[in-house]
Amino acid sequence: ISTQQILQLSIFSNHSAFITTNNILYVSGNNDFGQLGDGTTISSSQPKRIHLPDDIIVDVATGEKHTIVLLNTIGTLATGNNDE
């Protein structure tokens, strides 16, 4: 990560996500509801790379219990809690 530049950053109170200039999504923080999108509910204090379908990442947004990623051709991917 240290050699990559951050293109976009989204931070909520308990987790964050960022896109690098080489089109990689990283997440860190609380993962009680699966909001990091790594297939677990294990929190991470260090950025974790999230493997997405082969597409250009357009945008990322974090909310209280979820993360939403917009991909260029595939569309929207969401992870986390869906109770509201």
Protein backbone atom coordinates (compact mmCIF):
# COMPACT_ATOMS: atom_id res chain seq x y z
CA ILE A 1 0.00 0.00 0.00
CA SER A 2 2.82 2.41 0.78
CA THR A 3 3.70 2.85 -2.89
CA GLN A 4 0.12 3.47 -4.00
CA GLN A 5 -1.73 6.77 -4.06
CA ILE A 6 -5.26 7.16 -2.74
CA LEU A 7 -7.74 8.35 -5.36
CA GLN A 8 -10.84 8.42 -3.17
CA LEU A 9 -11.58 7.92 0.53
CA SER A 10 -14.83 7.29 2.40
CA ILE A 11 -14.88 7.28 6.20
CA PHE A 12 -17.74 6.58 8.54
CA SER A 13 -17.52 6.50 12.34
CA ASN A 14 -16.38 2.88 12.59
CA HIS A 15 -14.97 1.82 9.21
CA SER A 16 -13.40 3.26 6.09
CA ALA A 17 -12.76 2.40 2.47
CA PHE A 18 -10.43 3.83 -0.13
CA ILE A 19 -9.69 3.37 -3.81
CA THR A 20 -6.11 3.58 -5.06
CA THR A 21 -5.01 5.07 -8.38
CA ASN A 22 -4.37 1.54 -9.67
CA ASN A 23 -8.05 0.60 -9.15
CA ILE A 24 -7.81 -1.39 -5.91
CA LEU A 25 -10.30 -1.15 -3.04
CA TYR A 26 -9.07 -1.33 0.55
CA VAL A 27 -11.19 -1.34 3.72
CA SER A 28 -10.53 -1.28 7.45
CA GLY A 29 -12.35 -0.89 10.75
CA ASN A 30 -15.37 -2.46 12.40
CA ASN A 31 -16.87 -5.42 10.56
CA ASP A 32 -19.64 -6.59 12.93
CA PHE A 33 -22.19 -6.55 10.10
CA GLY A 34 -19.90 -7.62 7.24
CA GLN A 35 -19.54 -4.02 6.07
CA LEU A 36 -15.90 -4.53 5.04
CA GLY A 37 -17.02 -6.91 2.30
CA ASP A 38 -14.36 -9.55 2.89
CA GLY A 39 -16.83 -12.36 3.57
CA THR A 40 -16.26 -12.30 7.34
CA THR A 41 -17.38 -10.36 10.40
CA ILE A 42 -13.82 -9.96 11.70
CA SER A 43 -12.78 -6.33 12.20
CA SER A 44 -9.44 -5.10 10.84
CA SER A 45 -7.24 -2.27 12.09
CA GLN A 46 -5.06 -2.58 8.98
CA PRO A 47 -6.30 -1.95 5.41
CA LYS A 48 -7.46 -5.12 3.67
CA ARG A 49 -7.60 -5.47 -0.10
CA ILE A 50 -11.05 -6.43 -1.35
CA HIS A 51 -11.14 -8.45 -4.55
CA LEU A 52 -13.86 -7.23 -6.88
CA PRO A 53 -14.97 -8.29 -10.35
CA ASP A 54 -12.69 -7.05 -13.14
CA ASP A 55 -14.11 -3.56 -13.68
CA ILE A 56 -13.22 0.08 -13.02
CA ILE A 57 -14.15 1.28 -9.53
CA VAL A 58 -16.05 4.55 -9.96
CA ASP A 59 -17.05 5.36 -6.38
CA VAL A 60 -17.16 4.00 -2.83
CA ALA A 61 -19.35 5.08 0.09
CA THR A 62 -19.45 3.91 3.69
CA GLY A 63 -22.41 4.11 6.04
CA GLU A 64 -23.02 3.07 9.62
CA LYS A 65 -23.29 -0.66 8.86
CA HIS A 66 -22.60 -0.94 5.12
CA THR A 67 -20.28 -0.19 2.22
CA ILE A 68 -21.42 0.48 -1.34
CA VAL A 69 -19.15 0.27 -4.38
CA LEU A 70 -20.06 1.56 -7.84
CA LEU A 71 -18.36 -0.23 -10.73
CA ASN A 72 -18.24 1.17 -14.25
CA THR A 73 -20.07 -1.57 -16.16
CA ILE A 74 -21.35 -3.98 -13.50
CA GLY A 75 -23.15 -1.38 -11.39
CA THR A 76 -23.59 -1.22 -7.64
CA LEU A 77 -22.30 -3.75 -5.12
CA ALA A 78 -23.29 -3.49 -1.45
CA THR A 79 -22.17 -5.30 1.67
CA GLY A 80 -23.12 -5.17 5.31
CA ASN A 81 -26.37 -4.86 7.23
CA ASN A 82 -29.67 -4.55 5.39
CA ASP A 83 -32.06 -3.85 8.28
CA GLU A 84 -32.99 -0.25 7.51
